[in-house]
Protein backbone atom coordinates (compact mmCIF):
# COMPACT_ATOMS: atom_id res chain seq x y z
CA MET A 1 0.05 0.15 0.07
CA ALA A 2 1.24 3.49 -1.07
CA THR A 3 1.25 6.56 1.88
CA LEU A 4 0.79 9.44 1.14
CA ARG A 5 3.69 12.05 1.79
CA ASN A 6 3.46 15.14 3.44
CA THR A 7 3.24 18.86 1.72
CA TYR A 8 3.78 22.12 2.79
CA THR A 9 4.32 25.50 0.92
CA ALA A 10 4.70 28.53 2.35
CA VAL A 11 4.54 31.75 0.73
CA ILE A 12 7.71 33.81 2.33
CA ALA A 13 7.34 36.80 0.30
CA ARG A 14 4.37 38.09 -1.49
CA GLY A 15 4.79 40.99 -3.32
CA GLU A 16 7.67 42.85 -2.08
CA ARG A 17 9.80 44.76 -3.90
CA TRP A 18 14.14 43.44 -3.64
CA ALA A 19 16.66 45.75 -3.90
CA GLY A 20 20.29 45.43 -2.41
CA GLN A 21 21.23 42.18 0.57
CA VAL A 22 17.46 40.66 0.67
CA TYR A 23 16.61 37.75 3.52
CA THR A 24 13.75 35.82 3.04
CA GLU A 25 11.78 35.36 6.83
CA PRO A 26 13.26 31.98 7.84
CA TYR A 27 11.50 28.96 7.68
CA GLU A 28 11.05 25.85 10.55
CA ALA A 29 11.79 22.87 8.11
CA ALA A 30 12.65 20.06 9.96
CA TRP A 31 9.94 17.60 9.57
CA ALA A 32 10.85 17.46 6.00
CA SER A 33 13.59 15.95 3.96
CA GLU A 34 13.14 18.42 0.80
CA ALA A 35 12.00 21.21 0.12
CA VAL A 36 11.94 24.18 -3.50
CA PHE A 37 12.22 27.28 -3.47
CA PHE A 38 10.13 29.01 -6.15
CA ILE A 39 10.92 33.20 -7.37
CA HIS A 40 8.26 34.30 -9.10
CA LEU A 41 9.08 37.80 -10.93
CA MET A 42 5.81 39.38 -10.60
CA PRO A 43 3.89 40.43 -14.19
CA ASP A 44 4.03 44.91 -13.28
CA SER A 45 8.26 44.56 -13.13
CA THR A 46 10.65 45.86 -15.34
CA PRO A 47 12.61 43.17 -16.59
CA PRO A 48 16.35 43.65 -14.76
CA SER A 49 18.86 45.31 -16.29
CA GLU A 50 21.57 42.32 -14.65
CA THR A 51 21.19 38.95 -13.10
CA ALA A 52 20.35 38.03 -8.90
CA VAL A 53 21.40 35.17 -7.60
CA ALA A 54 19.63 33.39 -4.74
CA ARG A 55 21.67 31.18 -2.13
CA VAL A 56 20.24 29.00 0.03
CA GLN A 57 21.31 29.31 3.30
CA ILE A 58 20.71 26.77 6.94
CA SER A 59 20.56 26.84 10.31
CA PRO A 60 20.52 24.87 13.49
CA ASP A 61 18.65 28.10 15.89
CA GLY A 62 17.23 30.18 12.77
CA LEU A 63 19.65 32.95 14.41
CA HIS A 64 22.61 31.86 12.93
CA TRP A 65 22.76 31.24 9.08
CA VAL A 66 25.38 29.75 6.54
CA ASN A 67 25.48 29.14 3.00
CA GLU A 68 23.82 25.81 2.11
CA GLY A 69 25.77 26.06 -1.56
CA THR A 70 22.55 25.54 -3.44
CA GLU A 71 22.48 29.32 -5.61
CA PHE A 72 20.15 30.02 -8.97
CA GLU A 73 19.05 32.81 -10.99
CA LEU A 74 16.12 34.70 -10.17
CA PRO A 75 13.90 34.72 -13.67
CA THR A 76 15.05 37.65 -16.06
CA VAL A 77 11.49 37.74 -17.75
CA PRO A 78 8.94 39.57 -15.93
CA ASP A 79 6.04 36.83 -14.82
CA ALA A 80 9.17 33.83 -15.50
CA VAL A 81 9.57 31.59 -13.10
CA SER A 82 12.99 30.42 -11.20
CA PHE A 83 13.47 27.68 -7.77
CA GLY A 84 16.23 25.88 -5.74
CA ARG A 85 16.26 22.69 -4.87
CA VAL A 86 17.09 21.29 -0.95
CA LEU A 87 18.27 18.38 0.81
CA ASN A 88 19.67 17.16 3.69
CA PHE A 89 19.25 20.43 5.13
CA GLY A 90 18.29 20.54 9.10
CA GLY A 91 16.00 22.53 10.68
CA TRP A 92 15.76 25.90 9.18
CA LEU A 93 15.81 27.60 5.64
CA ARG A 94 15.64 31.15 4.35
CA LEU A 95 16.79 32.42 1.02
CA ALA A 96 19.61 35.25 0.59
CA VAL A 97 19.56 37.47 -2.36
CA ALA A 98 21.47 39.75 -4.54
CA VAL A 99 19.34 42.38 -6.24
CA PRO A 100 21.80 44.46 -8.36
CA ASN A 101 22.67 47.96 -7.24
CA SER A 102 20.69 49.16 -10.82
CA CYS A 103 17.76 46.77 -10.11
CA VAL A 104 14.48 46.57 -7.99
CA PHE A 105 12.58 42.91 -8.65
CA LYS A 106 8.69 42.88 -7.86
CA VAL A 107 8.63 38.48 -6.63
CA VAL A 108 6.70 36.22 -4.71
CA ALA A 109 8.55 33.63 -3.36
CA THR A 110 6.92 30.38 -2.04
CA LEU A 111 8.90 27.66 -0.13
CA SER A 112 7.46 24.13 -0.94
CA LEU A 113 8.38 21.39 1.37
CA LYS A 114 7.67 17.46 1.47
CA ALA A 115 8.26 14.84 3.85
């Protein structure tokens, strides 16, 4: 008999404007075995002139953060989506995003978790 896996999707940024160095809200996910971050560049955004990079960060306590190693570029076209997958991440997750100085991104970011 197949077992139904537990899943949950959390919105960690909704309609926010990102500029400079941005950190998403930390999310406790110790119960999950895999995670996918999605970033959607809102349709009313201006196409960026440079590429922004999102880095997945992990934490044992939600206070002290280290880069997990997963990196992915933010979308460069309005209404597009990019993503990054993570496994074996411990208790807490967030994104650290480096937006080039000349850019402002309007985004929706979600975190999909599965156990």
